[in-house]
N, C-alpha and C. Protein backbone atom coordinates (compact mmCIF):
# COMPACT_ATOMS: atom_id res chain seq x y z
N MET A 1 26.01 -5.51 -5.29
CA MET A 1 25.46 -6.31 -4.19
C MET A 1 24.27 -5.57 -3.56
N VAL A 2 23.19 -6.31 -3.33
CA VAL A 2 21.99 -5.69 -2.78
C VAL A 2 22.05 -5.70 -1.26
N ASP A 3 21.72 -4.57 -0.66
CA ASP A 3 21.70 -4.48 0.80
C ASP A 3 20.33 -4.93 1.29
N TRP A 4 20.23 -6.24 1.59
CA TRP A 4 18.94 -6.82 1.95
C TRP A 4 18.44 -6.32 3.30
N SER A 5 19.35 -5.93 4.21
CA SER A 5 18.93 -5.46 5.53
C SER A 5 18.09 -4.18 5.38
N ARG A 6 18.44 -3.37 4.39
CA ARG A 6 17.69 -2.14 4.17
C ARG A 6 16.26 -2.47 3.71
N TYR A 7 16.16 -3.44 2.79
CA TYR A 7 14.84 -3.79 2.28
C TYR A 7 14.00 -4.50 3.33
N SER A 8 14.64 -5.34 4.13
CA SER A 8 13.89 -6.09 5.15
C SER A 8 13.38 -5.14 6.23
N SER A 9 14.12 -4.06 6.48
CA SER A 9 13.70 -3.11 7.52
C SER A 9 12.54 -2.25 7.04
N CYS A 10 12.50 -1.93 5.74
CA CYS A 10 11.44 -1.07 5.22
C CYS A 10 10.32 -1.90 4.60
N GLY A 11 10.43 -3.22 4.64
CA GLY A 11 9.41 -4.08 4.04
C GLY A 11 8.04 -3.91 4.67
N PRO A 12 7.92 -4.05 6.00
CA PRO A 12 6.62 -3.91 6.66
C PRO A 12 5.98 -2.54 6.42
N ALA A 13 6.78 -1.50 6.43
CA ALA A 13 6.25 -0.15 6.21
C ALA A 13 5.70 -0.04 4.79
N LEU A 14 6.42 -0.63 3.83
CA LEU A 14 5.97 -0.58 2.44
C LEU A 14 4.66 -1.34 2.28
N THR A 15 4.56 -2.48 2.93
CA THR A 15 3.33 -3.28 2.86
C THR A 15 2.16 -2.51 3.46
N LEU A 16 2.41 -1.82 4.58
CA LEU A 16 1.36 -1.04 5.23
C LEU A 16 0.91 0.10 4.32
N THR A 17 1.87 0.75 3.66
CA THR A 17 1.53 1.84 2.76
C THR A 17 0.68 1.34 1.60
N LEU A 18 1.06 0.18 1.04
CA LEU A 18 0.30 -0.38 -0.08
C LEU A 18 -1.11 -0.74 0.35
N SER A 19 -1.27 -1.28 1.55
CA SER A 19 -2.60 -1.65 2.03
C SER A 19 -3.46 -0.40 2.22
N GLN A 20 -2.84 0.69 2.70
CA GLN A 20 -3.58 1.94 2.88
C GLN A 20 -4.01 2.50 1.52
N TRP A 21 -3.11 2.43 0.53
CA TRP A 21 -3.44 2.88 -0.82
C TRP A 21 -4.61 2.08 -1.38
N GLU A 22 -4.54 0.74 -1.17
CA GLU A 22 -5.60 -0.12 -1.70
C GLU A 22 -6.94 0.23 -1.06
N ARG A 23 -6.93 0.46 0.25
CA ARG A 23 -8.16 0.81 0.96
C ARG A 23 -8.70 2.15 0.46
N GLY A 24 -7.81 3.11 0.28
CA GLY A 24 -8.23 4.43 -0.19
C GLY A 24 -8.83 4.37 -1.59
N LEU A 25 -8.19 3.61 -2.49
CA LEU A 25 -8.70 3.49 -3.84
C LEU A 25 -10.06 2.80 -3.85
N THR A 26 -10.23 1.82 -2.97
CA THR A 26 -11.51 1.11 -2.88
C THR A 26 -12.61 2.07 -2.42
N GLU A 27 -12.31 2.89 -1.42
CA GLU A 27 -13.31 3.85 -0.91
C GLU A 27 -13.68 4.86 -1.99
N VAL A 28 -12.69 5.35 -2.71
CA VAL A 28 -12.95 6.34 -3.76
C VAL A 28 -13.79 5.72 -4.88
N SER A 29 -13.45 4.49 -5.28
CA SER A 29 -14.18 3.85 -6.37
C SER A 29 -15.63 3.58 -5.96
N LEU A 30 -15.82 3.18 -4.69
CA LEU A 30 -17.18 2.92 -4.22
C LEU A 30 -17.97 4.23 -4.12
N ARG A 31 -17.29 5.29 -3.77
CA ARG A 31 -17.98 6.57 -3.57
C ARG A 31 -18.41 7.16 -4.92
N TYR A 32 -17.58 7.00 -5.94
CA TYR A 32 -17.88 7.63 -7.23
C TYR A 32 -18.52 6.69 -8.22
N THR A 33 -18.81 5.45 -7.80
CA THR A 33 -19.48 4.52 -8.71
C THR A 33 -20.99 4.70 -8.57
N PRO A 34 -21.67 5.03 -9.66
CA PRO A 34 -23.13 5.21 -9.58
C PRO A 34 -23.82 3.91 -9.21
N THR A 35 -24.73 3.98 -8.28
CA THR A 35 -25.42 2.77 -7.85
C THR A 35 -26.75 2.63 -8.56
């Protein structure tokens, strides 16, 4: 049985972490992409 309360409580934090990762990868790719 899956403990959904655990996932629902850490859901927003996980989403925030993923958004930060996405932003960081975008900055790195823009910085190292030759223009």
